[in-house]
Amino acid sequence: MKPRKIPLRKCVACNQSMPKKELIRVVKTPDDVLLIDLTGKKAGRGAYLCGKQSCFKLAKKSRAFDRALKTPVSPDIYDALEQDFIKVEDEFIAGKEAVDDEHDDE
């Protein structure tokens, strides 16, 4: 049986390609609401970011989400996303380690 192809996505801040499950997705929903999508399945336009605080700061400084989501993102939304990012960072890292453990078992 042929091995499954792993979808790759690029971090909007550091431009490093990684497997989709190792990145955090920020989505602009059809209602123009920006939020963090840990499932990766919410409807809308997505932008991916490494799980590192430094990458978020770089994305904020370079306004990477404005380009990736094709919409202007106000500074207060960046601040709200930063607070959400800090909250979900631990959860994301724990999920990433669980995925790594699954690969080690194979």
Protein backbone atom coordinates (compact mmCIF):
# COMPACT_ATOMS: atom_id res chain seq x y z
CA MET A 1 0.00 0.00 0.00
CA LYS A 2 1.26 3.45 -0.93
CA PRO A 3 2.15 5.74 2.03
CA ARG A 4 -0.21 8.63 2.62
CA LYS A 5 0.89 12.04 1.40
CA ILE A 6 1.27 14.52 4.26
CA PRO A 7 -0.18 17.97 3.43
CA LEU A 8 2.38 20.76 3.85
CA ARG A 9 1.64 24.39 4.66
CA LYS A 10 3.89 27.42 4.97
CA CYS A 11 4.18 29.61 8.05
CA VAL A 12 3.19 33.18 7.11
CA ALA A 13 5.96 34.61 9.32
CA CYS A 14 9.09 32.51 8.74
CA ASN A 15 8.05 30.90 5.40
CA GLN A 16 9.07 27.45 6.62
CA SER A 17 7.06 24.56 5.13
CA MET A 18 5.84 22.05 7.69
CA PRO A 19 3.16 19.37 7.95
CA LYS A 20 -0.24 20.98 8.38
CA LYS A 21 -0.78 19.38 11.81
CA GLU A 22 2.36 21.07 13.17
CA LEU A 23 1.05 24.58 12.45
CA ILE A 24 -1.63 26.73 14.05
CA ARG A 25 -4.35 27.94 11.67
CA VAL A 26 -5.82 31.42 11.92
CA VAL A 27 -9.06 31.58 9.97
CA LYS A 28 -11.20 34.42 8.63
CA THR A 29 -14.72 33.00 8.67
CA PRO A 30 -17.34 33.93 6.05
CA ASP A 31 -18.71 36.35 8.70
CA ASP A 32 -15.31 38.18 8.66
CA VAL A 33 -14.41 37.02 12.17
CA LEU A 34 -10.76 36.12 12.84
CA LEU A 35 -10.06 33.27 15.21
CA ILE A 36 -7.62 30.46 15.95
CA ASP A 37 -8.69 27.09 14.56
CA LEU A 38 -6.88 24.18 16.22
CA THR A 39 -9.01 21.62 14.37
CA GLY A 40 -8.05 23.02 10.95
CA LYS A 41 -11.57 22.38 9.67
CA LYS A 42 -13.49 25.61 10.19
CA ALA A 43 -14.89 27.22 7.06
CA GLY A 44 -13.07 30.26 5.75
CA ARG A 45 -9.73 31.49 4.49
CA GLY A 46 -6.83 30.26 6.57
CA ALA A 47 -3.28 31.34 7.33
CA TYR A 48 -0.80 29.08 9.10
CA LEU A 49 1.69 29.97 11.80
CA CYS A 50 4.39 28.05 13.66
CA GLY A 51 3.64 27.39 17.30
CA LYS A 52 6.39 29.81 18.34
CA GLN A 53 5.78 33.15 20.03
CA SER A 54 8.58 34.70 17.94
CA CYS A 55 6.75 33.78 14.72
CA PHE A 56 3.56 35.43 15.96
CA LYS A 57 5.46 38.60 16.83
CA LEU A 58 7.09 38.61 13.38
CA ALA A 59 3.69 38.10 11.71
CA LYS A 60 2.27 40.99 13.74
CA LYS A 61 5.20 43.27 12.89
CA SER A 62 5.13 42.47 9.16
CA ARG A 63 1.30 42.40 9.04
CA ALA A 64 1.48 38.93 7.48
CA PHE A 65 -2.16 38.13 8.25
CA ASP A 66 -3.30 41.14 6.19
CA ARG A 67 -1.65 39.62 3.13
CA ALA A 68 -2.49 35.98 3.80
CA LEU A 69 -6.15 36.57 4.66
CA LYS A 70 -6.57 39.26 1.98
CA THR A 71 -8.22 41.67 4.40
CA PRO A 72 -6.99 44.51 6.62
CA VAL A 73 -6.50 43.32 10.20
CA SER A 74 -6.68 46.00 12.87
CA PRO A 75 -4.07 46.21 15.66
CA ASP A 76 -6.69 45.37 18.32
CA ILE A 77 -7.48 42.12 16.48
CA TYR A 78 -3.75 41.29 16.43
CA ASP A 79 -3.71 41.91 20.20
CA ALA A 80 -6.75 39.67 20.72
CA LEU A 81 -5.17 36.98 18.54
CA GLU A 82 -1.97 37.26 20.57
CA GLN A 83 -3.91 36.64 23.79
CA ASP A 84 -5.67 33.66 22.18
CA PHE A 85 -2.35 32.42 20.82
CA ILE A 86 -0.81 32.45 24.30
CA LYS A 87 -3.84 30.53 25.68
CA VAL A 88 -3.81 27.81 22.99
CA GLU A 89 -0.01 27.51 22.71
CA ASP A 90 0.23 24.92 25.52
CA GLU A 91 -2.75 22.99 24.16
CA PHE A 92 -1.23 23.04 20.66
CA ILE A 93 2.18 21.84 21.89
CA ALA A 94 0.52 18.99 23.83
CA GLY A 95 -1.42 17.95 20.70
CA LYS A 96 1.72 18.15 18.59
CA GLU A 97 3.59 15.88 21.02
CA ALA A 98 0.72 13.37 20.87
CA VAL A 99 0.99 13.30 17.05
CA ASP A 100 4.77 12.82 17.32
CA ASP A 101 4.23 9.90 19.72
CA GLU A 102 1.85 8.26 17.20
CA HIS A 103 4.54 8.48 14.51
CA ASP A 104 7.13 6.97 16.87
CA ASP A 105 4.86 3.96 17.48
CA GLU A 106 4.66 3.14 13.76
